[in-house]
Full PDB file with SEQRES, HELIX, SHEET, SSBOND, CRYST1, ORIGX, SCALE, CONECT and MASTER records, all heavy atoms in Angstrom:
SEQRES   1 A   39  ILE GLU LEU GLY HIS CYS VAL HIS ILE VAL PRO ALA SER          
SEQRES   2 A   39  GLY GLY GLU PRO ARG ARG LEU THR GLY GLY VAL ASP ARG          
SEQRES   3 A   39  ASP HIS THR PRO THR TRP SER GLN ASP GLY GLN SER ILE          
SHEET    1 AA1 2 HIS A   8  ILE A   9  0                                        
SHEET    2 AA1 2 ARG A  18  ARG A  19 -1                                        
CRYST1    1.000    1.000    1.000  90.00  90.00  90.00 P 1           1          
ORIGX1      1.000000  0.000000  0.000000        0.00000                         
ORIGX2      0.000000  1.000000  0.000000        0.00000                         
ORIGX3      0.000000  0.000000  1.000000        0.00000                         
SCALE1      1.000000  0.000000  0.000000        0.00000                         
SCALE2      0.000000  1.000000  0.000000        0.00000                         
SCALE3      0.000000  0.000000  1.000000        0.00000                         
ATOM      1  N   ILE A   1      86.283  29.020   9.607  1.00  0.00           N  
ATOM      2  CA  ILE A   1      86.087  29.991  10.682  1.00  0.00           C  
ATOM      3  C   ILE A   1      87.354  30.818  10.875  1.00  0.00           C  
ATOM      4  O   ILE A   1      88.433  30.281  11.069  1.00  0.00           O  
ATOM      5  CB  ILE A   1      85.706  29.282  11.997  1.00  0.00           C  
ATOM      6  CG1 ILE A   1      84.333  28.624  11.841  1.00  0.00           C  
ATOM      7  CG2 ILE A   1      85.692  30.252  13.153  1.00  0.00           C  
ATOM      8  CD1 ILE A   1      83.896  27.825  13.045  1.00  0.00           C  
ATOM      9  N   GLU A   2      87.203  32.118  10.804  1.00  0.00           N  
ATOM     10  CA  GLU A   2      88.335  33.031  10.900  1.00  0.00           C  
ATOM     11  C   GLU A   2      88.516  33.559  12.314  1.00  0.00           C  
ATOM     12  O   GLU A   2      89.604  33.535  12.865  1.00  0.00           O  
ATOM     13  CB  GLU A   2      88.112  34.188   9.937  1.00  0.00           C  
ATOM     14  CG  GLU A   2      89.248  35.180   9.859  1.00  0.00           C  
ATOM     15  CD  GLU A   2      88.916  36.275   8.867  1.00  0.00           C  
ATOM     16  OE1 GLU A   2      88.072  37.122   9.191  1.00  0.00           O  
ATOM     17  OE2 GLU A   2      89.492  36.279   7.765  1.00  0.00           O  
ATOM     18  N   LEU A   3      87.407  34.000  12.899  1.00  0.00           N  
ATOM     19  CA  LEU A   3      87.492  34.618  14.219  1.00  0.00           C  
ATOM     20  C   LEU A   3      86.484  34.053  15.208  1.00  0.00           C  
ATOM     21  O   LEU A   3      86.406  34.517  16.339  1.00  0.00           O  
ATOM     22  CB  LEU A   3      87.282  36.137  14.108  1.00  0.00           C  
ATOM     23  CG  LEU A   3      88.397  36.903  13.394  1.00  0.00           C  
ATOM     24  CD1 LEU A   3      87.985  38.341  13.177  1.00  0.00           C  
ATOM     25  CD2 LEU A   3      89.698  36.825  14.161  1.00  0.00           C  
ATOM     26  N   GLY A   4      85.700  33.072  14.816  1.00  0.00           N  
ATOM     27  CA  GLY A   4      84.730  32.509  15.746  1.00  0.00           C  
ATOM     28  C   GLY A   4      83.653  33.499  16.133  1.00  0.00           C  
ATOM     29  O   GLY A   4      83.358  34.462  15.419  1.00  0.00           O  
ATOM     30  N   HIS A   5      83.023  33.279  17.303  1.00  0.00           N  
ATOM     31  CA  HIS A   5      82.039  34.224  17.837  1.00  0.00           C  
ATOM     32  C   HIS A   5      82.789  35.359  18.519  1.00  0.00           C  
ATOM     33  O   HIS A   5      83.578  35.113  19.436  1.00  0.00           O  
ATOM     34  CB  HIS A   5      81.128  33.542  18.858  1.00  0.00           C  
ATOM     35  CG  HIS A   5      80.019  32.752  18.243  1.00  0.00           C  
ATOM     36  ND1 HIS A   5      80.204  31.493  17.718  1.00  0.00           N  
ATOM     37  CD2 HIS A   5      78.701  33.059  18.067  1.00  0.00           C  
ATOM     38  CE1 HIS A   5      79.040  31.047  17.254  1.00  0.00           C  
ATOM     39  NE2 HIS A   5      78.130  31.953  17.443  1.00  0.00           N  
ATOM     40  N   CYS A   6      82.544  36.589  18.087  1.00  0.00           N  
ATOM     41  CA  CYS A   6      83.246  37.754  18.638  1.00  0.00           C  
ATOM     42  C   CYS A   6      82.239  38.775  19.160  1.00  0.00           C  
ATOM     43  O   CYS A   6      81.109  38.855  18.673  1.00  0.00           O  
ATOM     44  CB  CYS A   6      84.114  38.414  17.568  1.00  0.00           C  
ATOM     45  SG  CYS A   6      85.328  37.298  16.822  1.00  0.00           S  
ATOM     46  N   VAL A   7      82.671  39.555  20.140  1.00  0.00           N  
ATOM     47  CA  VAL A   7      81.837  40.635  20.672  1.00  0.00           C  
ATOM     48  C   VAL A   7      82.046  41.887  19.831  1.00  0.00           C  
ATOM     49  O   VAL A   7      83.188  42.290  19.570  1.00  0.00           O  
ATOM     50  CB  VAL A   7      82.173  40.918  22.145  1.00  0.00           C  
ATOM     51  CG1 VAL A   7      81.392  42.129  22.654  1.00  0.00           C  
ATOM     52  CG2 VAL A   7      81.882  39.694  23.010  1.00  0.00           C  
ATOM     53  N   HIS A   8      80.944  42.472  19.379  1.00  0.00           N  
ATOM     54  CA  HIS A   8      80.966  43.723  18.625  1.00  0.00           C  
ATOM     55  C   HIS A   8      80.084  44.757  19.317  1.00  0.00           C  
ATOM     56  O   HIS A   8      79.186  44.399  20.075  1.00  0.00           O  
ATOM     57  CB  HIS A   8      80.424  43.518  17.193  1.00  0.00           C  
ATOM     58  CG  HIS A   8      81.304  42.709  16.302  1.00  0.00           C  
ATOM     59  ND1 HIS A   8      81.572  41.371  16.527  1.00  0.00           N  
ATOM     60  CD2 HIS A   8      81.972  43.043  15.165  1.00  0.00           C  
ATOM     61  CE1 HIS A   8      82.362  40.922  15.577  1.00  0.00           C  
ATOM     62  NE2 HIS A   8      82.611  41.908  14.725  1.00  0.00           N  
ATOM     63  N   ILE A   9      80.324  46.016  19.054  1.00  0.00           N  
ATOM     64  CA  ILE A   9      79.380  47.079  19.426  1.00  0.00           C  
ATOM     65  C   ILE A   9      78.908  47.759  18.149  1.00  0.00           C  
ATOM     66  O   ILE A   9      79.645  47.858  17.161  1.00  0.00           O  
ATOM     67  CB  ILE A   9      79.998  48.112  20.400  1.00  0.00           C  
ATOM     68  CG1 ILE A   9      81.263  48.744  19.818  1.00  0.00           C  
ATOM     69  CG2 ILE A   9      80.299  47.459  21.743  1.00  0.00           C  
ATOM     70  CD1 ILE A   9      81.820  49.855  20.694  1.00  0.00           C  
ATOM     71  N   VAL A  10      77.641  48.169  18.185  1.00  0.00           N  
ATOM     72  CA  VAL A  10      77.009  48.762  17.011  1.00  0.00           C  
ATOM     73  C   VAL A  10      76.300  50.043  17.446  1.00  0.00           C  
ATOM     74  O   VAL A  10      75.616  50.058  18.480  1.00  0.00           O  
ATOM     75  CB  VAL A  10      75.978  47.799  16.382  1.00  0.00           C  
ATOM     76  CG1 VAL A  10      75.411  48.380  15.102  1.00  0.00           C  
ATOM     77  CG2 VAL A  10      76.603  46.444  16.112  1.00  0.00           C  
ATOM     78  N   PRO A  11      76.427  51.142  16.700  1.00  0.00           N  
ATOM     79  CA  PRO A  11      75.679  52.354  17.059  1.00  0.00           C  
ATOM     80  C   PRO A  11      74.173  52.092  17.085  1.00  0.00           C  
ATOM     81  O   PRO A  11      73.651  51.397  16.205  1.00  0.00           O  
ATOM     82  CB  PRO A  11      76.043  53.335  15.935  1.00  0.00           C  
ATOM     83  CG  PRO A  11      77.352  52.838  15.391  1.00  0.00           C  
ATOM     84  CD  PRO A  11      77.289  51.345  15.522  1.00  0.00           C  
ATOM     85  N   ALA A  12      73.488  52.613  18.106  1.00  0.00           N  
ATOM     86  CA  ALA A  12      72.042  52.407  18.212  1.00  0.00           C  
ATOM     87  C   ALA A  12      71.310  53.011  17.023  1.00  0.00           C  
ATOM     88  O   ALA A  12      70.214  52.561  16.661  1.00  0.00           O  
ATOM     89  CB  ALA A  12      71.524  53.010  19.514  1.00  0.00           C  
ATOM     90  N   SER A  13      71.886  54.001  16.395  1.00  0.00           N  
ATOM     91  CA  SER A  13      71.258  54.653  15.242  1.00  0.00           C  
ATOM     92  C   SER A  13      71.566  53.919  13.940  1.00  0.00           C  
ATOM     93  O   SER A  13      71.082  54.311  12.880  1.00  0.00           O  
ATOM     94  CB  SER A  13      71.749  56.097  15.142  1.00  0.00           C  
ATOM     95  OG  SER A  13      73.162  56.142  15.031  1.00  0.00           O  
ATOM     96  N   GLY A  14      72.391  52.856  14.032  1.00  0.00           N  
ATOM     97  CA  GLY A  14      72.766  52.109  12.843  1.00  0.00           C  
ATOM     98  C   GLY A  14      74.190  52.413  12.420  1.00  0.00           C  
ATOM     99  O   GLY A  14      74.769  53.421  12.812  1.00  0.00           O  
ATOM    100  N   GLY A  15      74.748  51.526  11.651  1.00  0.00           N  
ATOM    101  CA  GLY A  15      76.116  51.723  11.189  1.00  0.00           C  
ATOM    102  C   GLY A  15      76.908  50.447  11.263  1.00  0.00           C  
ATOM    103  O   GLY A  15      76.385  49.378  11.562  1.00  0.00           O  
ATOM    104  N   GLU A  16      78.182  50.538  10.968  1.00  0.00           N  
ATOM    105  CA  GLU A  16      79.051  49.373  10.937  1.00  0.00           C  
ATOM    106  C   GLU A  16      79.422  48.930  12.358  1.00  0.00           C  
ATOM    107  O   GLU A  16      79.733  49.764  13.214  1.00  0.00           O  
ATOM    108  CB  GLU A  16      80.331  49.684  10.165  1.00  0.00           C  
ATOM    109  CG  GLU A  16      80.120  49.816   8.674  1.00  0.00           C  
ATOM    110  CD  GLU A  16      79.663  48.507   8.055  1.00  0.00           C  
ATOM    111  OE1 GLU A  16      80.219  47.445   8.421  1.00  0.00           O  
ATOM    112  OE2 GLU A  16      78.743  48.546   7.212  1.00  0.00           O  
ATOM    113  N   PRO A  17      79.391  47.613  12.629  1.00  0.00           N  
ATOM    114  CA  PRO A  17      79.832  47.128  13.932  1.00  0.00           C  
ATOM    115  C   PRO A  17      81.339  47.259  14.092  1.00  0.00           C  
ATOM    116  O   PRO A  17      82.090  47.214  13.116  1.00  0.00           O  
ATOM    117  CB  PRO A  17      79.391  45.667  13.929  1.00  0.00           C  
ATOM    118  CG  PRO A  17      79.335  45.286  12.502  1.00  0.00           C  
ATOM    119  CD  PRO A  17      78.914  46.527  11.761  1.00  0.00           C  
ATOM    120  N   ARG A  18      81.760  47.439  15.329  1.00  0.00           N  
ATOM    121  CA  ARG A  18      83.192  47.472  15.653  1.00  0.00           C  
ATOM    122  C   ARG A  18      83.515  46.285  16.539  1.00  0.00           C  
ATOM    123  O   ARG A  18      82.897  46.097  17.581  1.00  0.00           O  
ATOM    124  CB  ARG A  18      83.561  48.785  16.347  1.00  0.00           C  
ATOM    125  CG  ARG A  18      85.044  48.866  16.734  1.00  0.00           C  
ATOM    126  CD  ARG A  18      85.450  50.296  17.068  1.00  0.00           C  
ATOM    127  NE  ARG A  18      84.790  50.808  18.231  1.00  0.00           N  
ATOM    128  CZ  ARG A  18      85.249  50.664  19.496  1.00  0.00           C  
ATOM    129  NH1 ARG A  18      86.362  49.985  19.718  1.00  0.00           N  
ATOM    130  NH2 ARG A  18      84.603  51.187  20.509  1.00  0.00           N  
ATOM    131  N   ARG A  19      84.490  45.474  16.129  1.00  0.00           N  
ATOM    132  CA  ARG A  19      84.829  44.256  16.849  1.00  0.00           C  
ATOM    133  C   ARG A  19      85.713  44.558  18.051  1.00  0.00           C  
ATOM    134  O   ARG A  19      86.686  45.298  17.955  1.00  0.00           O  
ATOM    135  CB  ARG A  19      85.530  43.276  15.903  1.00  0.00           C  
ATOM    136  CG  ARG A  19      85.893  41.953  16.537  1.00  0.00           C  
ATOM    137  CD  ARG A  19      86.362  40.952  15.495  1.00  0.00           C  
ATOM    138  NE  ARG A  19      87.522  41.418  14.760  1.00  0.00           N  
ATOM    139  CZ  ARG A  19      88.775  41.304  15.196  1.00  0.00           C  
ATOM    140  NH1 ARG A  19      89.012  40.743  16.370  1.00  0.00           N  
ATOM    141  NH2 ARG A  19      89.767  41.745  14.458  1.00  0.00           N  
ATOM    142  N   LEU A  20      85.376  43.936  19.200  1.00  0.00           N  
ATOM    143  CA  LEU A  20      86.147  44.117  20.424  1.00  0.00           C  
ATOM    144  C   LEU A  20      86.977  42.893  20.788  1.00  0.00           C  
ATOM    145  O   LEU A  20      87.969  43.021  21.506  1.00  0.00           O  
ATOM    146  CB  LEU A  20      85.217  44.448  21.601  1.00  0.00           C  
ATOM    147  CG  LEU A  20      84.413  45.742  21.509  1.00  0.00           C  
ATOM    148  CD1 LEU A  20      83.580  45.936  22.780  1.00  0.00           C  
ATOM    149  CD2 LEU A  20      85.332  46.941  21.295  1.00  0.00           C  
ATOM    150  N   THR A  21      86.572  41.703  20.341  1.00  0.00           N  
ATOM    151  CA  THR A  21      87.316  40.493  20.657  1.00  0.00           C  
ATOM    152  C   THR A  21      87.622  39.724  19.385  1.00  0.00           C  
ATOM    153  O   THR A  21      86.987  39.931  18.350  1.00  0.00           O  
ATOM    154  CB  THR A  21      86.528  39.575  21.617  1.00  0.00           C  
ATOM    155  OG1 THR A  21      85.322  39.129  20.978  1.00  0.00           O  
ATOM    156  CG2 THR A  21      86.181  40.297  22.908  1.00  0.00           C  
ATOM    157  N   GLY A  22      88.602  38.841  19.453  1.00  0.00           N  
ATOM    158  CA  GLY A  22      88.982  38.038  18.298  1.00  0.00           C  
ATOM    159  C   GLY A  22      89.369  36.637  18.719  1.00  0.00           C  
ATOM    160  O   GLY A  22      89.243  36.263  19.875  1.00  0.00           O  
ATOM    161  N   GLY A  23      89.845  35.853  17.764  1.00  0.00           N  
ATOM    162  CA  GLY A  23      90.210  34.475  18.057  1.00  0.00           C  
ATOM    163  C   GLY A  23      89.082  33.525  17.700  1.00  0.00           C  
ATOM    164  O   GLY A  23      87.972  33.945  17.367  1.00  0.00           O  
ATOM    165  N   VAL A  24      89.344  32.230  17.797  1.00  0.00           N  
ATOM    166  CA  VAL A  24      88.348  31.227  17.427  1.00  0.00           C  
ATOM    167  C   VAL A  24      87.529  30.793  18.632  1.00  0.00           C  
ATOM    168  O   VAL A  24      86.891  29.741  18.619  1.00  0.00           O  
ATOM    169  CB  VAL A  24      89.022  29.998  16.776  1.00  0.00           C  
ATOM    170  CG1 VAL A  24      89.645  30.372  15.453  1.00  0.00           C  
ATOM    171  CG2 VAL A  24      90.060  29.388  17.724  1.00  0.00           C  
ATOM    172  N   ASP A  25      87.535  31.584  19.693  1.00  0.00           N  
ATOM    173  CA  ASP A  25      86.761  31.272  20.889  1.00  0.00           C  
ATOM    174  C   ASP A  25      85.287  31.627  20.681  1.00  0.00           C  
ATOM    175  O   ASP A  25      84.919  32.291  19.715  1.00  0.00           O  
ATOM    176  CB  ASP A  25      87.312  32.051  22.089  1.00  0.00           C  
ATOM    177  CG  ASP A  25      88.800  31.809  22.269  1.00  0.00           C  
ATOM    178  OD1 ASP A  25      89.150  30.705  22.690  1.00  0.00           O  
ATOM    179  OD2 ASP A  25      89.587  32.724  21.980  1.00  0.00           O  
ATOM    180  N   ARG A  26      84.483  31.196  21.634  1.00  0.00           N  
ATOM    181  CA  ARG A  26      83.052  31.491  21.590  1.00  0.00           C  
ATOM    182  C   ARG A  26      82.743  32.546  22.645  1.00  0.00           C  
ATOM    183  O   ARG A  26      82.657  32.257  23.842  1.00  0.00           O  
ATOM    184  CB  ARG A  26      82.237  30.221  21.842  1.00  0.00           C  
ATOM    185  CG  ARG A  26      80.732  30.426  21.820  1.00  0.00           C  
ATOM    186  CD  ARG A  26      80.010  29.100  22.032  1.00  0.00           C  
ATOM    187  NE  ARG A  26      78.578  29.299  22.215  1.00  0.00           N  
ATOM    188  CZ  ARG A  26      77.700  29.417  21.233  1.00  0.00           C  
ATOM    189  NH1 ARG A  26      78.113  29.358  19.993  1.00  0.00           N  
ATOM    190  NH2 ARG A  26      76.418  29.576  21.486  1.00  0.00           N  
ATOM    191  N   ASP A  27      82.606  33.795  22.222  1.00  0.00           N  
ATOM    192  CA  ASP A  27      82.251  34.910  23.107  1.00  0.00           C  
ATOM    193  C   ASP A  27      80.765  35.205  22.926  1.00  0.00           C  
ATOM    194  O   ASP A  27      80.292  35.354  21.795  1.00  0.00           O  
ATOM    195  CB  ASP A  27      83.053  36.168  22.753  1.00  0.00           C  
ATOM    196  CG  ASP A  27      84.555  35.931  22.809  1.00  0.00           C  
ATOM    197  OD1 ASP A  27      84.986  35.067  23.594  1.00  0.00           O  
ATOM    198  OD2 ASP A  27      85.289  36.620  22.066  1.00  0.00           O  
ATOM    199  N   HIS A  28      80.012  35.317  24.027  1.00  0.00           N  
ATOM    200  CA  HIS A  28      78.567  35.512  23.890  1.00  0.00           C  
ATOM    201  C   HIS A  28      77.983  36.147  25.143  1.00  0.00           C  
ATOM    202  O   HIS A  28      78.676  36.380  26.119  1.00  0.00           O  
ATOM    203  CB  HIS A  28      77.864  34.185  23.589  1.00  0.00           C  
ATOM    204  CG  HIS A  28      78.238  33.071  24.516  1.00  0.00           C  
ATOM    205  ND1 HIS A  28      79.452  32.440  24.480  1.00  0.00           N  
ATOM    206  CD2 HIS A  28      77.546  32.458  25.507  1.00  0.00           C  
ATOM    207  CE1 HIS A  28      79.499  31.493  25.393  1.00  0.00           C  
ATOM    208  NE2 HIS A  28      78.377  31.488  26.033  1.00  0.00           N  
ATOM    209  N   THR A  29      76.692  36.437  25.108  1.00  0.00           N  
ATOM    210  CA  THR A  29      75.893  37.078  26.161  1.00  0.00           C  
ATOM    211  C   THR A  29      76.595  38.304  26.744  1.00  0.00           C  
ATOM    212  O   THR A  29      76.832  38.386  27.941  1.00  0.00           O  
ATOM    213  CB  THR A  29      75.511  36.080  27.280  1.00  0.00           C  
ATOM    214  OG1 THR A  29      76.691  35.578  27.925  1.00  0.00           O  
ATOM    215  CG2 THR A  29      74.697  34.920  26.724  1.00  0.00           C  
ATOM    216  N   PRO A  30      76.913  39.303  25.915  1.00  0.00           N  
ATOM    217  CA  PRO A  30      77.588  40.500  26.419  1.00  0.00           C  
ATOM    218  C   PRO A  30      76.624  41.446  27.141  1.00  0.00           C  
ATOM    219  O   PRO A  30      75.425  41.466  26.865  1.00  0.00           O  
ATOM    220  CB  PRO A  30      78.131  41.150  25.144  1.00  0.00           C  
ATOM    221  CG  PRO A  30      77.164  40.728  24.081  1.00  0.00           C  
ATOM    222  CD  PRO A  30      76.717  39.342  24.454  1.00  0.00           C  
ATOM    223  N   THR A  31      77.169  42.229  28.070  1.00  0.00           N  
ATOM    224  CA  THR A  31      76.394  43.256  28.769  1.00  0.00           C  
ATOM    225  C   THR A  31      77.318  44.417  29.106  1.00  0.00           C  
ATOM    226  O   THR A  31      78.534  44.235  29.267  1.00  0.00           O  
ATOM    227  CB  THR A  31      75.735  42.690  30.044  1.00  0.00           C  
ATOM    228  OG1 THR A  31      74.819  43.643  30.580  1.00  0.00           O  
ATOM    229  CG2 THR A  31      76.778  42.363  31.110  1.00  0.00           C  
ATOM    230  N   TRP A  32      76.750  45.602  29.234  1.00  0.00           N  
ATOM    231  CA  TRP A  32      77.541  46.813  29.509  1.00  0.00           C  
ATOM    232  C   TRP A  32      77.870  46.943  30.989  1.00  0.00           C  
ATOM    233  O   TRP A  32      77.073  46.583  31.853  1.00  0.00           O  
ATOM    234  CB  TRP A  32      76.763  48.060  29.083  1.00  0.00           C  
ATOM    235  CG  TRP A  32      76.606  48.237  27.609  1.00  0.00           C  
ATOM    236  CD1 TRP A  32      75.571  47.783  26.832  1.00  0.00           C  
ATOM    237  CD2 TRP A  32      77.492  48.915  26.725  1.00  0.00           C  
ATOM    238  NE1 TRP A  32      75.781  48.134  25.525  1.00  0.00           N  
ATOM    239  CE2 TRP A  32      76.943  48.834  25.425  1.00  0.00           C  
ATOM    240  CE3 TRP A  32      78.707  49.580  26.905  1.00  0.00           C  
ATOM    241  CZ2 TRP A  32      77.553  49.396  24.312  1.00  0.00           C  
ATOM    242  CZ3 TRP A  32      79.327  50.156  25.798  1.00  0.00           C  
ATOM    243  CH2 TRP A  32      78.760  50.054  24.521  1.00  0.00           C  
ATOM    244  N   SER A  33      79.053  47.487  31.276  1.00  0.00           N  
ATOM    245  CA  SER A  33      79.348  47.933  32.632  1.00  0.00           C  
ATOM    246  C   SER A  33      78.534  49.193  32.923  1.00  0.00           C  
ATOM    247  O   SER A  33      78.030  49.854  32.005  1.00  0.00           O  
ATOM    248  CB  SER A  33      80.847  48.232  32.791  1.00  0.00           C  
ATOM    249  OG  SER A  33      81.223  49.308  31.947  1.00  0.00           O  
ATOM    250  N   GLN A  34      78.392  49.527  34.205  1.00  0.00           N  
ATOM    251  CA  GLN A  34      77.564  50.675  34.561  1.00  0.00           C  
ATOM    252  C   GLN A  34      78.130  51.997  34.044  1.00  0.00           C  
ATOM    253  O   GLN A  34      77.384  52.923  33.744  1.00  0.00           O  
ATOM    254  CB  GLN A  34      77.387  50.738  36.086  1.00  0.00           C  
ATOM    255  CG  GLN A  34      76.526  49.614  36.637  1.00  0.00           C  
ATOM    256  CD  GLN A  34      75.158  49.569  35.993  1.00  0.00           C  
ATOM    257  OE1 GLN A  34      74.459  50.572  35.932  1.00  0.00           O  
ATOM    258  NE2 GLN A  34      74.760  48.397  35.509  1.00  0.00           N  
ATOM    259  N   ASP A  35      79.449  52.103  33.939  1.00  0.00           N  
ATOM    260  CA  ASP A  35      80.043  53.345  33.435  1.00  0.00           C  
ATOM    261  C   ASP A  35      80.165  53.364  31.919  1.00  0.00           C  
ATOM    262  O   ASP A  35      80.630  54.363  31.343  1.00  0.00           O  
ATOM    263  CB  ASP A  35      81.414  53.580  34.077  1.00  0.00           C  
ATOM    264  CG  ASP A  35      82.412  52.445  33.779  1.00  0.00           C  
ATOM    265  OD1 ASP A  35      82.096  51.567  32.948  1.00  0.00           O  
ATOM    266  OD2 ASP A  35      83.500  52.458  34.389  1.00  0.00           O  
ATOM    267  N   GLY A  36      79.754  52.281  31.250  1.00  0.00           N  
ATOM    268  CA  GLY A  36      79.798  52.232  29.798  1.00  0.00           C  
ATOM    269  C   GLY A  36      81.190  52.115  29.208  1.00  0.00           C  
ATOM    270  O   GLY A  36      81.358  52.237  27.989  1.00  0.00           O  
ATOM    271  N   GLN A  37      82.191  51.820  30.049  1.00  0.00           N  
ATOM    272  CA  GLN A  37      83.569  51.774  29.572  1.00  0.00           C  
ATOM    273  C   GLN A  37      84.040  50.374  29.207  1.00  0.00           C  
ATOM    274  O   GLN A  37      85.110  50.214  28.620  1.00  0.00           O  
ATOM    275  CB  GLN A  37      84.500  52.356  30.644  1.00  0.00           C  
ATOM    276  CG  GLN A  37      84.212  53.808  30.988  1.00  0.00           C  
ATOM    277  CD  GLN A  37      84.290  54.711  29.785  1.00  0.00           C  
ATOM    278  OE1 GLN A  37      85.310  54.746  29.092  1.00  0.00           O  
ATOM    279  NE2 GLN A  37      83.230  55.451  29.517  1.00  0.00           N  
ATOM    280  N   SER A  38      83.256  49.352  29.554  1.00  0.00           N  
ATOM    281  CA  SER A  38      83.673  47.988  29.260  1.00  0.00           C  
ATOM    282  C   SER A  38      82.465  47.098  29.028  1.00  0.00           C  
ATOM    283  O   SER A  38      81.330  47.470  29.347  1.00  0.00           O  
ATOM    284  CB  SER A  38      84.545  47.425  30.399  1.00  0.00           C  
ATOM    285  OG  SER A  38      83.815  47.391  31.611  1.00  0.00           O  
ATOM    286  N   ILE A  39      82.721  45.922  28.476  1.00  0.00           N  
ATOM    287  CA  ILE A  39      81.690  44.921  28.200  1.00  0.00           C  
ATOM    288  C   ILE A  39      82.045  43.650  28.960  1.00  0.00           C  
ATOM    289  O   ILE A  39      83.175  43.159  28.882  1.00  0.00           O  
ATOM    290  CB  ILE A  39      81.604  44.601  26.698  1.00  0.00           C  
ATOM    291  CG1 ILE A  39      81.280  45.857  25.883  1.00  0.00           C  
ATOM    292  CG2 ILE A  39      80.572  43.504  26.440  1.00  0.00           C  
ATOM    293  CD1 ILE A  39      79.902  46.405  26.094  1.00  0.00           C  
TER     294      ILE A  39                                                      
MASTER        0    0    0    0    2    0    0    6  293    1    0    3          
END                                                                             
């Protein structure tokens, strides 16, 4: 395991995911803030 479970965002139209978190932690059940500026 290199980075564990990480939060990514992916374009709705498709494309490569972009990683937002790292480490060997378990990050899960993400949701958007109302202004779309954070997860």
